[in-house]
Amino acid sequence: MITDGAAGNERQALALAEALGVPTRVWQVAPAPPWRWLAPRGVAGARLALPASTRAQFMPPWPDLAIGCGRAAALYTRGLRRWSQGRTFCVQILDPRIDPAQWNLVVAPRHDGLSGANVLVPLGSLNPIDDAWLAAGAEAFPDLAAFPAPRTVVLIGANHRDVAVSTEYCVGLVERLGAFHARFGGSFLVSTSRRTPVALRDFLRSAFARFPGCFWGGAEDGANPYAGYLAHADRIVVTPDSVNMLSEACAVGVPVSCWLPTPPRGKLGRFHAALAQEGWVQPLTESGSRAQPGALRETERIADEVRQRLVAHRMATGHCEPG
């Protein structure tokens, strides 16, 4: 598994590896310029752009399977396919921004608009959330069940180039949630992300202090209760900036809401439009939540397709015997 160390990228690659049930080694890559700027172009000399300790990983014996996520990883999954002379089956998650035929498989969310015979297209991002994951979260954080229902999980991200998550946005969000609480009661289980600015995190901590619930803003608040939050959620409210957060919220199987005073632009806007059209995400209103159409869980389906194509690749290259 190859990543640039970004948490969201590593999470997607690890989710796919775990769904495949394969032994996993994590290789983090941080190529030097100009390879960093050109990735995934510029395979020639790309191994020399890495520190010697990392460079040694990209030598024989070659792995059977490599999964990458992010542009820096795409340089090295592309390179592995070439350096191994096709032995390594290379899967790249997210649009690599060059011809997907450079990889054995590319997994790109629908809003990327990528197509091809070797392109798999989930609606959102890959993630580990299934019944077993949620059960483990409930077991790890049993005390969350004591908060009054309905328990509304609130996931806060940060500004994105295609949508603002500012203090002004969060003031409106808290007002909406306060009106919901006045009507239905319950509690709020709130989590900020690593991307949330400190000033915004501090404002939210103060704003939610008047409601029953729990606030997690970082390690100073103890162990990250994210899995427990989702496991105990009756409803989830997500800021509109993160495909990963929205995808994971929709995988739980409870109603998911998003407040959008200003519609997102670009790819993010297309993602939101698809979620709304298919009923996965609803507007944040004071009148409660509509039923969810189920749980949006795409990782296992993608893993099944990867598994089939990996077997076909091994047979075609003579690395296994047919079953």
C-alpha atoms as a PDB file:
ATOM      1  CA  MET A   1       0.000   0.000   0.000  1.00  0.00           C
ATOM      2  CA  ILE A   2       1.505   3.321  -1.088  1.00  0.00           C
ATOM      3  CA  THR A   3       0.413   6.731   0.185  1.00  0.00           C
ATOM      4  CA  ASP A   4       1.726  10.231   0.653  1.00  0.00           C
ATOM      5  CA  GLY A   5       0.870  10.031   4.354  1.00  0.00           C
ATOM      6  CA  ALA A   6      -2.313  12.110   4.047  1.00  0.00           C
ATOM      7  CA  ALA A   7      -4.825  10.557   6.444  1.00  0.00           C
ATOM      8  CA  GLY A   8      -7.722  10.529   3.981  1.00  0.00           C
ATOM      9  CA  ASN A   9      -5.665   8.898   1.244  1.00  0.00           C
ATOM     10  CA  GLU A  10      -4.175   6.297   3.554  1.00  0.00           C
ATOM     11  CA  ARG A  11      -7.620   5.482   4.957  1.00  0.00           C
ATOM     12  CA  GLN A  12      -9.015   4.695   1.510  1.00  0.00           C
ATOM     13  CA  ALA A  13      -6.084   2.512   0.487  1.00  0.00           C
ATOM     14  CA  LEU A  14      -6.152   0.633   3.793  1.00  0.00           C
ATOM     15  CA  ALA A  15      -9.931   0.124   3.555  1.00  0.00           C
ATOM     16  CA  LEU A  16      -9.518  -1.568   0.171  1.00  0.00           C
ATOM     17  CA  ALA A  17      -6.598  -3.702   1.366  1.00  0.00           C
ATOM     18  CA  GLU A  18      -8.561  -4.841   4.408  1.00  0.00           C
ATOM     19  CA  ALA A  19     -11.614  -5.653   2.302  1.00  0.00           C
ATOM     20  CA  LEU A  20      -9.380  -7.782   0.068  1.00  0.00           C
ATOM     21  CA  GLY A  21      -8.038  -9.589   3.132  1.00  0.00           C
ATOM     22  CA  VAL A  22      -4.415  -9.360   1.988  1.00  0.00           C
ATOM     23  CA  PRO A  23      -1.313  -8.873   4.182  1.00  0.00           C
ATOM     24  CA  THR A  24      -0.435  -5.188   4.060  1.00  0.00           C
ATOM     25  CA  ARG A  25       2.743  -3.163   4.199  1.00  0.00           C
ATOM     26  CA  VAL A  26       2.463   0.643   4.162  1.00  0.00           C
ATOM     27  CA  TRP A  27       4.973   2.562   2.073  1.00  0.00           C
ATOM     28  CA  GLN A  28       4.826   6.329   2.521  1.00  0.00           C
ATOM     29  CA  VAL A  29       6.429   8.297  -0.281  1.00  0.00           C
ATOM     30  CA  ALA A  30       7.532  11.932  -0.358  1.00  0.00           C
ATOM     31  CA  PRO A  31       9.467  12.392  -3.622  1.00  0.00           C
ATOM     32  CA  ALA A  32      11.807  15.315  -3.981  1.00  0.00           C
ATOM     33  CA  PRO A  33      11.173  18.040  -6.566  1.00  0.00           C
ATOM     34  CA  PRO A  34      10.637  18.038  -9.498  1.00  0.00           C
ATOM     35  CA  TRP A  35       9.021  14.573  -9.243  1.00  0.00           C
ATOM     36  CA  ARG A  36       6.757  15.828  -6.448  1.00  0.00           C
ATOM     37  CA  TRP A  37       5.449  18.601  -8.685  1.00  0.00           C
ATOM     38  CA  LEU A  38       5.090  16.418 -11.785  1.00  0.00           C
ATOM     39  CA  ALA A  39       3.564  13.291 -10.190  1.00  0.00           C
ATOM     40  CA  PRO A  40       2.372  10.945 -11.564  1.00  0.00           C
ATOM     41  CA  ARG A  41       4.384  11.993 -14.620  1.00  0.00           C
ATOM     42  CA  GLY A  42       8.132  11.566 -14.673  1.00  0.00           C
ATOM     43  CA  VAL A  43       8.580   7.893 -13.806  1.00  0.00           C
ATOM     44  CA  ALA A  44      12.161   8.013 -15.100  1.00  0.00           C
ATOM     45  CA  GLY A  45      14.420   8.520 -12.084  1.00  0.00           C
ATOM     46  CA  ALA A  46      11.483   8.515  -9.659  1.00  0.00           C
ATOM     47  CA  ARG A  47      13.188   6.026  -7.346  1.00  0.00           C
ATOM     48  CA  LEU A  48      16.137   8.394  -7.009  1.00  0.00           C
ATOM     49  CA  ALA A  49      13.715  11.064  -5.749  1.00  0.00           C
ATOM     50  CA  LEU A  50      13.218   9.040  -2.559  1.00  0.00           C
ATOM     51  CA  PRO A  51      15.481   8.655   0.492  1.00  0.00           C
ATOM     52  CA  ALA A  52      17.665   5.559   0.277  1.00  0.00           C
ATOM     53  CA  SER A  53      15.670   3.714   2.943  1.00  0.00           C
ATOM     54  CA  THR A  54      12.419   4.211   1.024  1.00  0.00           C
ATOM     55  CA  ARG A  55      14.036   3.614  -2.363  1.00  0.00           C
ATOM     56  CA  ALA A  56      15.064   0.105  -1.304  1.00  0.00           C
ATOM     57  CA  GLN A  57      11.401  -0.907  -1.112  1.00  0.00           C
ATOM     58  CA  PHE A  58      10.994  -0.419  -4.850  1.00  0.00           C
ATOM     59  CA  MET A  59      13.282  -3.297  -5.782  1.00  0.00           C
ATOM     60  CA  PRO A  60      12.746  -7.044  -6.321  1.00  0.00           C
ATOM     61  CA  PRO A  61      11.151  -9.168  -5.044  1.00  0.00           C
ATOM     62  CA  TRP A  62       8.123  -7.378  -6.447  1.00  0.00           C
ATOM     63  CA  PRO A  63       4.780  -7.442  -4.620  1.00  0.00           C
ATOM     64  CA  ASP A  64       1.828  -9.184  -6.282  1.00  0.00           C
ATOM     65  CA  LEU A  65      -0.437  -6.206  -5.575  1.00  0.00           C
ATOM     66  CA  ALA A  66       0.120  -2.507  -5.000  1.00  0.00           C
ATOM     67  CA  ILE A  67      -2.634  -0.093  -3.934  1.00  0.00           C
ATOM     68  CA  GLY A  68      -1.999   3.639  -4.040  1.00  0.00           C
ATOM     69  CA  CYS A  69      -4.038   6.717  -3.236  1.00  0.00           C
ATOM     70  CA  GLY A  70      -3.110  10.291  -4.108  1.00  0.00           C
ATOM     71  CA  ARG A  71      -0.878  11.851  -6.756  1.00  0.00           C
ATOM     72  CA  ALA A  72       2.479  11.036  -5.151  1.00  0.00           C
ATOM     73  CA  ALA A  73       1.428   7.428  -4.692  1.00  0.00           C
ATOM     74  CA  ALA A  74       0.241   7.332  -8.311  1.00  0.00           C
ATOM     75  CA  LEU A  75       3.786   8.017  -9.476  1.00  0.00           C
ATOM     76  CA  TYR A  76       5.025   4.901  -7.693  1.00  0.00           C
ATOM     77  CA  THR A  77       2.128   2.559  -8.477  1.00  0.00           C
ATOM     78  CA  ARG A  78       2.662   3.536 -12.105  1.00  0.00           C
ATOM     79  CA  GLY A  79       6.388   2.990 -11.691  1.00  0.00           C
ATOM     80  CA  LEU A  80       5.940  -0.416 -10.037  1.00  0.00           C
ATOM     81  CA  ARG A  81       3.982  -1.675 -12.995  1.00  0.00           C
ATOM     82  CA  ARG A  82       6.866  -0.694 -15.264  1.00  0.00           C
ATOM     83  CA  TRP A  83       9.757  -1.729 -12.996  1.00  0.00           C
ATOM     84  CA  SER A  84       8.223  -5.133 -12.257  1.00  0.00           C
ATOM     85  CA  GLN A  85       7.637  -5.666 -16.000  1.00  0.00           C
ATOM     86  CA  GLY A  86       3.940  -6.095 -15.333  1.00  0.00           C
ATOM     87  CA  ARG A  87       4.233  -8.620 -12.512  1.00  0.00           C
ATOM     88  CA  THR A  88       2.767  -6.281  -9.884  1.00  0.00           C
ATOM     89  CA  PHE A  89      -0.962  -5.617 -10.246  1.00  0.00           C
ATOM     90  CA  CYS A  90      -1.253  -1.879  -9.626  1.00  0.00           C
ATOM     91  CA  VAL A  91      -4.439  -0.238  -8.369  1.00  0.00           C
ATOM     92  CA  GLN A  92      -4.669   3.533  -8.084  1.00  0.00           C
ATOM     93  CA  ILE A  93      -7.406   5.227  -6.040  1.00  0.00           C
ATOM     94  CA  LEU A  94      -8.551   8.718  -7.158  1.00  0.00           C
ATOM     95  CA  ASP A  95      -8.163  10.283 -10.578  1.00  0.00           C
ATOM     96  CA  PRO A  96      -4.434  10.233 -11.446  1.00  0.00           C
ATOM     97  CA  ARG A  97      -5.015  13.005 -14.036  1.00  0.00           C
ATOM     98  CA  ILE A  98      -3.334  11.099 -16.821  1.00  0.00           C
ATOM     99  CA  ASP A  99      -4.419   8.134 -18.939  1.00  0.00           C
ATOM    100  CA  PRO A 100      -5.808   5.466 -16.552  1.00  0.00           C
ATOM    101  CA  ALA A 101      -4.371   2.779 -18.856  1.00  0.00           C
ATOM    102  CA  GLN A 102      -1.040   3.403 -17.081  1.00  0.00           C
ATOM    103  CA  TRP A 103      -2.421   1.270 -14.211  1.00  0.00           C
ATOM    104  CA  ASN A 104      -4.106  -2.122 -14.083  1.00  0.00           C
ATOM    105  CA  LEU A 105      -7.091  -0.546 -12.313  1.00  0.00           C
ATOM    106  CA  VAL A 106      -8.127   2.956 -11.300  1.00  0.00           C
ATOM    107  CA  VAL A 107     -10.823   3.548  -8.675  1.00  0.00           C
ATOM    108  CA  ALA A 108     -12.199   7.059  -9.114  1.00  0.00           C
ATOM    109  CA  PRO A 109     -15.385   8.480  -7.573  1.00  0.00           C
ATOM    110  CA  ARG A 110     -18.189   9.320  -9.962  1.00  0.00           C
ATOM    111  CA  HIS A 111     -17.751  13.084  -9.631  1.00  0.00           C
ATOM    112  CA  ASP A 112     -14.231  12.800 -11.089  1.00  0.00           C
ATOM    113  CA  GLY A 113     -15.863  12.016 -14.436  1.00  0.00           C
ATOM    114  CA  LEU A 114     -13.296   9.356 -15.340  1.00  0.00           C
ATOM    115  CA  SER A 115     -14.175   6.383 -17.526  1.00  0.00           C
ATOM    116  CA  GLY A 116     -12.413   3.465 -19.143  1.00  0.00           C
ATOM    117  CA  ALA A 117     -12.321  -0.320 -19.340  1.00  0.00           C
ATOM    118  CA  ASN A 118     -10.082  -0.445 -16.270  1.00  0.00           C
ATOM    119  CA  VAL A 119     -11.872   2.278 -14.247  1.00  0.00           C
ATOM    120  CA  LEU A 120     -14.158   1.408 -11.315  1.00  0.00           C
ATOM    121  CA  VAL A 121     -16.551   4.168 -10.303  1.00  0.00           C
ATOM    122  CA  PRO A 122     -18.015   4.258  -6.769  1.00  0.00           C
ATOM    123  CA  LEU A 123     -20.293   7.128  -5.829  1.00  0.00           C
ATOM    124  CA  GLY A 124     -18.066   8.242  -2.956  1.00  0.00           C
ATOM    125  CA  SER A 125     -14.826   7.291  -1.253  1.00  0.00           C
ATOM    126  CA  LEU A 126     -13.749   3.880  -0.012  1.00  0.00           C
ATOM    127  CA  ASN A 127     -13.946   3.366   3.726  1.00  0.00           C
ATOM    128  CA  PRO A 128     -13.890   0.590   6.352  1.00  0.00           C
ATOM    129  CA  ILE A 129     -17.390   1.098   7.749  1.00  0.00           C
ATOM    130  CA  ASP A 130     -19.517  -2.032   7.995  1.00  0.00           C
ATOM    131  CA  ASP A 131     -21.512  -3.766  10.736  1.00  0.00           C
ATOM    132  CA  ALA A 132     -18.402  -5.239  12.369  1.00  0.00           C
ATOM    133  CA  TRP A 133     -16.627  -1.856  12.393  1.00  0.00           C
ATOM    134  CA  LEU A 134     -19.641  -0.196  14.005  1.00  0.00           C
ATOM    135  CA  ALA A 135     -20.000  -2.981  16.571  1.00  0.00           C
ATOM    136  CA  ALA A 136     -16.355  -2.522  17.537  1.00  0.00           C
ATOM    137  CA  GLY A 137     -16.925   1.221  17.884  1.00  0.00           C
ATOM    138  CA  ALA A 138     -19.939   0.674  20.136  1.00  0.00           C
ATOM    139  CA  GLU A 139     -17.940  -1.733  22.299  1.00  0.00           C
ATOM    140  CA  ALA A 140     -14.979   0.648  22.566  1.00  0.00           C
ATOM    141  CA  PHE A 141     -17.136   3.630  23.613  1.00  0.00           C
ATOM    142  CA  PRO A 142     -20.134   2.211  25.515  1.00  0.00           C
ATOM    143  CA  ASP A 143     -20.603   5.346  27.654  1.00  0.00           C
ATOM    144  CA  LEU A 144     -21.837   7.295  24.621  1.00  0.00           C
ATOM    145  CA  ALA A 145     -25.066   5.309  24.764  1.00  0.00           C
ATOM    146  CA  ALA A 146     -25.946   7.172  27.980  1.00  0.00           C
ATOM    147  CA  PHE A 147     -26.398  10.493  26.179  1.00  0.00           C
ATOM    148  CA  PRO A 148     -30.063  11.302  25.531  1.00  0.00           C
ATOM    149  CA  ALA A 149     -31.610  10.331  22.218  1.00  0.00           C
ATOM    150  CA  PRO A 150     -31.858  11.351  19.512  1.00  0.00           C
ATOM    151  CA  ARG A 151     -28.068  11.432  19.419  1.00  0.00           C
ATOM    152  CA  THR A 152     -26.971  13.731  16.598  1.00  0.00           C
ATOM    153  CA  VAL A 153     -23.374  13.280  15.493  1.00  0.00           C
ATOM    154  CA  VAL A 154     -21.900  16.514  14.104  1.00  0.00           C
ATOM    155  CA  LEU A 155     -18.751  16.186  11.968  1.00  0.00           C
ATOM    156  CA  ILE A 156     -16.885  19.429  11.269  1.00  0.00           C
ATOM    157  CA  GLY A 157     -14.261  19.875   8.574  1.00  0.00           C
ATOM    158  CA  ALA A 158     -12.772  23.100   7.217  1.00  0.00           C
ATOM    159  CA  ASN A 159     -12.838  25.520   4.330  1.00  0.00           C
ATOM    160  CA  HIS A 160     -12.545  23.969   0.873  1.00  0.00           C
ATOM    161  CA  ARG A 161     -11.849  25.730  -2.391  1.00  0.00           C
ATOM    162  CA  ASP A 162     -15.366  24.833  -3.567  1.00  0.00           C
ATOM    163  CA  VAL A 163     -17.301  25.630  -0.365  1.00  0.00           C
ATOM    164  CA  ALA A 164     -16.839  27.776   2.739  1.00  0.00           C
ATOM    165  CA  VAL A 165     -16.843  26.291   6.235  1.00  0.00           C
ATOM    166  CA  SER A 166     -16.173  29.517   8.100  1.00  0.00           C
ATOM    167  CA  THR A 167     -17.162  30.909  11.482  1.00  0.00           C
ATOM    168  CA  GLU A 168     -20.183  32.504   9.801  1.00  0.00           C
ATOM    169  CA  TYR A 169     -21.162  29.130   8.370  1.00  0.00           C
ATOM    170  CA  CYS A 170     -20.804  27.457  11.776  1.00  0.00           C
ATOM    171  CA  VAL A 171     -22.892  30.151  13.517  1.00  0.00           C
ATOM    172  CA  GLY A 172     -25.741  29.304  11.150  1.00  0.00           C
ATOM    173  CA  LEU A 173     -25.169  25.567  11.631  1.00  0.00           C
ATOM    174  CA  VAL A 174     -25.359  25.852  15.420  1.00  0.00           C
ATOM    175  CA  GLU A 175     -28.530  27.975  15.149  1.00  0.00           C
ATOM    176  CA  ARG A 176     -30.166  25.274  13.009  1.00  0.00           C
ATOM    177  CA  LEU A 177     -29.123  22.532  15.370  1.00  0.00           C
ATOM    178  CA  GLY A 178     -30.282  24.568  18.362  1.00  0.00           C
ATOM    179  CA  ALA A 179     -33.747  24.845  16.817  1.00  0.00           C
ATOM    180  CA  PHE A 180     -33.728  21.081  16.221  1.00  0.00           C
ATOM    181  CA  HIS A 181     -32.794  20.495  19.859  1.00  0.00           C
ATOM    182  CA  ALA A 182     -35.542  22.819  21.093  1.00  0.00           C
ATOM    183  CA  ARG A 183     -38.082  20.708  19.222  1.00  0.00           C
ATOM    184  CA  PHE A 184     -36.740  17.175  19.683  1.00  0.00           C
ATOM    185  CA  GLY A 185     -34.297  17.306  22.597  1.00  0.00           C
ATOM    186  CA  GLY A 186     -31.502  14.763  22.515  1.00  0.00           C
ATOM    187  CA  SER A 187     -27.755  15.360  22.497  1.00  0.00           C
ATOM    188  CA  PHE A 188     -24.901  16.314  20.170  1.00  0.00           C
ATOM    189  CA  LEU A 189     -21.743  14.260  19.697  1.00  0.00           C
ATOM    190  CA  VAL A 190     -19.408  16.723  17.999  1.00  0.00           C
ATOM    191  CA  SER A 191     -16.029  16.092  16.372  1.00  0.00           C
ATOM    192  CA  THR A 192     -13.716  18.444  14.539  1.00  0.00           C
ATOM    193  CA  SER A 193     -11.050  17.228  12.121  1.00  0.00           C
ATOM    194  CA  ARG A 194      -7.332  17.821  11.888  1.00  0.00           C
ATOM    195  CA  ARG A 195      -8.113  20.367   9.201  1.00  0.00           C
ATOM    196  CA  THR A 196     -10.381  22.489  11.427  1.00  0.00           C
ATOM    197  CA  PRO A 197      -8.662  25.769  12.391  1.00  0.00           C
ATOM    198  CA  VAL A 198      -8.033  26.205  16.120  1.00  0.00           C
ATOM    199  CA  ALA A 199     -10.158  29.370  16.337  1.00  0.00           C
ATOM    200  CA  LEU A 200     -13.114  27.619  14.707  1.00  0.00           C
ATOM    201  CA  ARG A 201     -12.687  24.579  16.948  1.00  0.00           C
ATOM    202  CA  ASP A 202     -12.682  26.799  20.034  1.00  0.00           C
ATOM    203  CA  PHE A 203     -15.805  28.633  18.884  1.00  0.00           C
ATOM    204  CA  LEU A 204     -17.624  25.347  18.327  1.00  0.00           C
ATOM    205  CA  ARG A 205     -16.564  23.952  21.701  1.00  0.00           C
ATOM    206  CA  SER A 206     -18.088  27.007  23.379  1.00  0.00           C
ATOM    207  CA  ALA A 207     -21.200  27.030  21.184  1.00  0.00           C
ATOM    208  CA  PHE A 208     -22.083  23.385  21.878  1.00  0.00           C
ATOM    209  CA  ALA A 209     -21.346  23.607  25.625  1.00  0.00           C
ATOM    210  CA  ARG A 210     -24.967  24.562  26.348  1.00  0.00           C
ATOM    211  CA  PHE A 211     -26.302  21.296  24.926  1.00  0.00           C
ATOM    212  CA  PRO A 212     -26.073  17.767  26.347  1.00  0.00           C
ATOM    213  CA  GLY A 213     -23.410  15.734  24.619  1.00  0.00           C
ATOM    214  CA  CYS A 214     -19.713  15.330  23.981  1.00  0.00           C
ATOM    215  CA  PHE A 215     -17.101  17.418  22.135  1.00  0.00           C
ATOM    216  CA  TRP A 216     -13.872  16.053  20.693  1.00  0.00           C
ATOM    217  CA  GLY A 217     -11.382  18.515  19.233  1.00  0.00           C
ATOM    218  CA  GLY A 218      -8.118  16.608  19.445  1.00  0.00           C
ATOM    219  CA  ALA A 219      -5.866  14.519  21.651  1.00  0.00           C
ATOM    220  CA  GLU A 220      -6.401  16.886  24.597  1.00  0.00           C
ATOM    221  CA  ASP A 221      -9.949  15.489  24.770  1.00  0.00           C
ATOM    222  CA  GLY A 222      -8.774  11.886  25.071  1.00  0.00           C
ATOM    223  CA  ALA A 223      -9.047   9.001  22.635  1.00  0.00           C
ATOM    224  CA  ASN A 224     -10.747   9.804  19.342  1.00  0.00           C
ATOM    225  CA  PRO A 225     -14.365   8.618  19.739  1.00  0.00           C
ATOM    226  CA  TYR A 226     -15.183   8.800  16.019  1.00  0.00           C
ATOM    227  CA  ALA A 227     -16.060   5.111  15.657  1.00  0.00           C
ATOM    228  CA  GLY A 228     -18.141   5.275  18.824  1.00  0.00           C
ATOM    229  CA  TYR A 229     -19.924   8.389  17.597  1.00  0.00           C
ATOM    230  CA  LEU A 230     -20.991   6.703  14.379  1.00  0.00           C
ATOM    231  CA  ALA A 231     -21.952   3.505  16.165  1.00  0.00           C
ATOM    232  CA  HIS A 232     -24.283   5.358  18.564  1.00  0.00           C
ATOM    233  CA  ALA A 233     -25.657   7.892  16.059  1.00  0.00           C
ATOM    234  CA  ASP A 234     -29.375   8.348  15.462  1.00  0.00           C
ATOM    235  CA  ARG A 235     -28.639  11.068  12.923  1.00  0.00           C
ATOM    236  CA  ILE A 236     -25.468  12.522  11.408  1.00  0.00           C
ATOM    237  CA  VAL A 237     -24.841  16.115  10.329  1.00  0.00           C
ATOM    238  CA  VAL A 238     -21.747  16.713   8.195  1.00  0.00           C
ATOM    239  CA  THR A 239     -20.173  19.901   6.897  1.00  0.00           C
ATOM    240  CA  PRO A 240     -20.084  19.856   3.084  1.00  0.00           C
ATOM    241  CA  ASP A 241     -16.322  20.012   2.483  1.00  0.00           C
ATOM    242  CA  SER A 242     -15.171  16.389   2.717  1.00  0.00           C
ATOM    243  CA  VAL A 243     -16.036  13.535   0.359  1.00  0.00           C
ATOM    244  CA  ASN A 244     -14.540  11.102   2.877  1.00  0.00           C
ATOM    245  CA  MET A 245     -16.614  12.341   5.825  1.00  0.00           C
ATOM    246  CA  LEU A 246     -19.822  12.353   3.791  1.00  0.00           C
ATOM    247  CA  SER A 247     -19.152   8.886   2.370  1.00  0.00           C
ATOM    248  CA  GLU A 248     -18.461   7.442   5.808  1.00  0.00           C
ATOM    249  CA  ALA A 249     -21.556   9.085   7.300  1.00  0.00           C
ATOM    250  CA  CYS A 250     -23.709   7.598   4.537  1.00  0.00           C
ATOM    251  CA  ALA A 251     -22.227   4.155   5.224  1.00  0.00           C
ATOM    252  CA  VAL A 252     -23.690   4.047   8.751  1.00  0.00           C
ATOM    253  CA  GLY A 253     -27.331   3.656   7.701  1.00  0.00           C
ATOM    254  CA  VAL A 254     -28.906   6.512   9.699  1.00  0.00           C
ATOM    255  CA  PRO A 255     -30.227   9.798   8.227  1.00  0.00           C
ATOM    256  CA  VAL A 256     -27.468  12.146   7.057  1.00  0.00           C
ATOM    257  CA  SER A 257     -27.970  15.898   6.726  1.00  0.00           C
ATOM    258  CA  CYS A 258     -25.885  18.738   5.386  1.00  0.00           C
ATOM    259  CA  TRP A 259     -26.549  22.463   5.638  1.00  0.00           C
ATOM    260  CA  LEU A 260     -25.778  24.162   2.346  1.00  0.00           C
ATOM    261  CA  PRO A 261     -26.513  27.890   2.473  1.00  0.00           C
ATOM    262  CA  THR A 262     -24.275  28.144  -0.606  1.00  0.00           C
ATOM    263  CA  PRO A 263     -24.104  25.153  -2.974  1.00  0.00           C
ATOM    264  CA  PRO A 264     -20.585  23.778  -3.503  1.00  0.00           C
ATOM    265  CA  ARG A 265     -18.903  24.264  -6.850  1.00  0.00           C
ATOM    266  CA  GLY A 266     -16.931  21.945  -9.121  1.00  0.00           C
ATOM    267  CA  LYS A 267     -16.437  18.250  -8.403  1.00  0.00           C
ATOM    268  CA  LEU A 268     -17.648  18.669  -4.842  1.00  0.00           C
ATOM    269  CA  GLY A 269     -20.871  20.184  -6.143  1.00  0.00           C
ATOM    270  CA  ARG A 270     -21.408  17.223  -8.468  1.00  0.00           C
ATOM    271  CA  PHE A 271     -20.870  14.844  -5.553  1.00  0.00           C
ATOM    272  CA  HIS A 272     -23.438  16.634  -3.417  1.00  0.00           C
ATOM    273  CA  ALA A 273     -25.934  16.681  -6.272  1.00  0.00           C
ATOM    274  CA  ALA A 274     -25.605  12.907  -6.713  1.00  0.00           C
ATOM    275  CA  LEU A 275     -25.991  12.257  -2.982  1.00  0.00           C
ATOM    276  CA  ALA A 276     -29.113  14.407  -2.827  1.00  0.00           C
ATOM    277  CA  GLN A 277     -30.644  12.948  -5.995  1.00  0.00           C
ATOM    278  CA  GLU A 278     -30.252   9.379  -4.705  1.00  0.00           C
ATOM    279  CA  GLY A 279     -31.492  10.254  -1.215  1.00  0.00           C
ATOM    280  CA  TRP A 280     -28.270   9.662   0.708  1.00  0.00           C
ATOM    281  CA  VAL A 281     -28.037  13.218   2.064  1.00  0.00           C
ATOM    282  CA  GLN A 282     -30.919  15.549   2.902  1.00  0.00           C
ATOM    283  CA  PRO A 283     -31.044  19.273   3.701  1.00  0.00           C
ATOM    284  CA  LEU A 284     -30.617  20.243   7.343  1.00  0.00           C
ATOM    285  CA  THR A 285     -34.023  21.404   8.551  1.00  0.00           C
ATOM    286  CA  GLU A 286     -35.722  21.889  11.890  1.00  0.00           C
ATOM    287  CA  SER A 287     -38.461  19.372  11.073  1.00  0.00           C
ATOM    288  CA  GLY A 288     -36.472  16.193  11.609  1.00  0.00           C
ATOM    289  CA  SER A 289     -35.043  13.564   9.271  1.00  0.00           C
ATOM    290  CA  ARG A 290     -36.371  11.457   6.454  1.00  0.00           C
ATOM    291  CA  ALA A 291     -35.602   7.758   6.416  1.00  0.00           C
ATOM    292  CA  GLN A 292     -32.287   6.775   4.872  1.00  0.00           C
ATOM    293  CA  PRO A 293     -32.397   4.435   1.818  1.00  0.00           C
ATOM    294  CA  GLY A 294     -29.993   2.081   3.585  1.00  0.00           C
ATOM    295  CA  ALA A 295     -26.242   2.151   4.086  1.00  0.00           C
ATOM    296  CA  LEU A 296     -23.976   3.327   1.254  1.00  0.00           C
ATOM    297  CA  ARG A 297     -21.244   0.681   1.401  1.00  0.00           C
ATOM    298  CA  GLU A 298     -19.236   0.373  -1.789  1.00  0.00           C
ATOM    299  CA  THR A 299     -15.866  -0.871  -0.587  1.00  0.00           C
ATOM    300  CA  GLU A 300     -16.742  -4.572  -0.632  1.00  0.00           C
ATOM    301  CA  ARG A 301     -18.201  -4.301  -4.144  1.00  0.00           C
ATOM    302  CA  ILE A 302     -15.033  -2.592  -5.379  1.00  0.00           C
ATOM    303  CA  ALA A 303     -12.897  -5.187  -3.573  1.00  0.00           C
ATOM    304  CA  ASP A 304     -14.788  -8.014  -5.289  1.00  0.00           C
ATOM    305  CA  GLU A 305     -14.045  -6.501  -8.697  1.00  0.00           C
ATOM    306  CA  VAL A 306     -10.380  -5.941  -7.815  1.00  0.00           C
ATOM    307  CA  ARG A 307     -10.145  -9.552  -6.606  1.00  0.00           C
ATOM    308  CA  GLN A 308     -11.572 -10.944  -9.853  1.00  0.00           C
ATOM    309  CA  ARG A 309      -9.268  -8.854 -12.010  1.00  0.00           C
ATOM    310  CA  LEU A 310      -6.249  -9.699  -9.860  1.00  0.00           C
ATOM    311  CA  VAL A 311      -6.937 -13.418 -10.306  1.00  0.00           C
ATOM    312  CA  ALA A 312      -7.290 -12.936 -14.065  1.00  0.00           C
ATOM    313  CA  HIS A 313      -4.012 -10.986 -14.117  1.00  0.00           C
ATOM    314  CA  ARG A 314      -2.160 -13.727 -12.216  1.00  0.00           C
ATOM    315  CA  MET A 315      -3.428 -16.373 -14.592  1.00  0.00           C
ATOM    316  CA  ALA A 316      -2.532 -14.286 -17.645  1.00  0.00           C
ATOM    317  CA  THR A 317       0.983 -13.647 -16.387  1.00  0.00           C
ATOM    318  CA  GLY A 318       1.575 -17.195 -15.184  1.00  0.00           C
ATOM    319  CA  HIS A 319       1.843 -16.345 -11.490  1.00  0.00           C
ATOM    320  CA  CYS A 320      -0.874 -18.770 -10.388  1.00  0.00           C
ATOM    321  CA  GLU A 321      -2.725 -21.800 -11.576  1.00  0.00           C
ATOM    322  CA  PRO A 322      -6.440 -21.628 -12.255  1.00  0.00           C
ATOM    323  CA  GLY A 323      -8.534 -22.862  -9.272  1.00  0.00           C
END
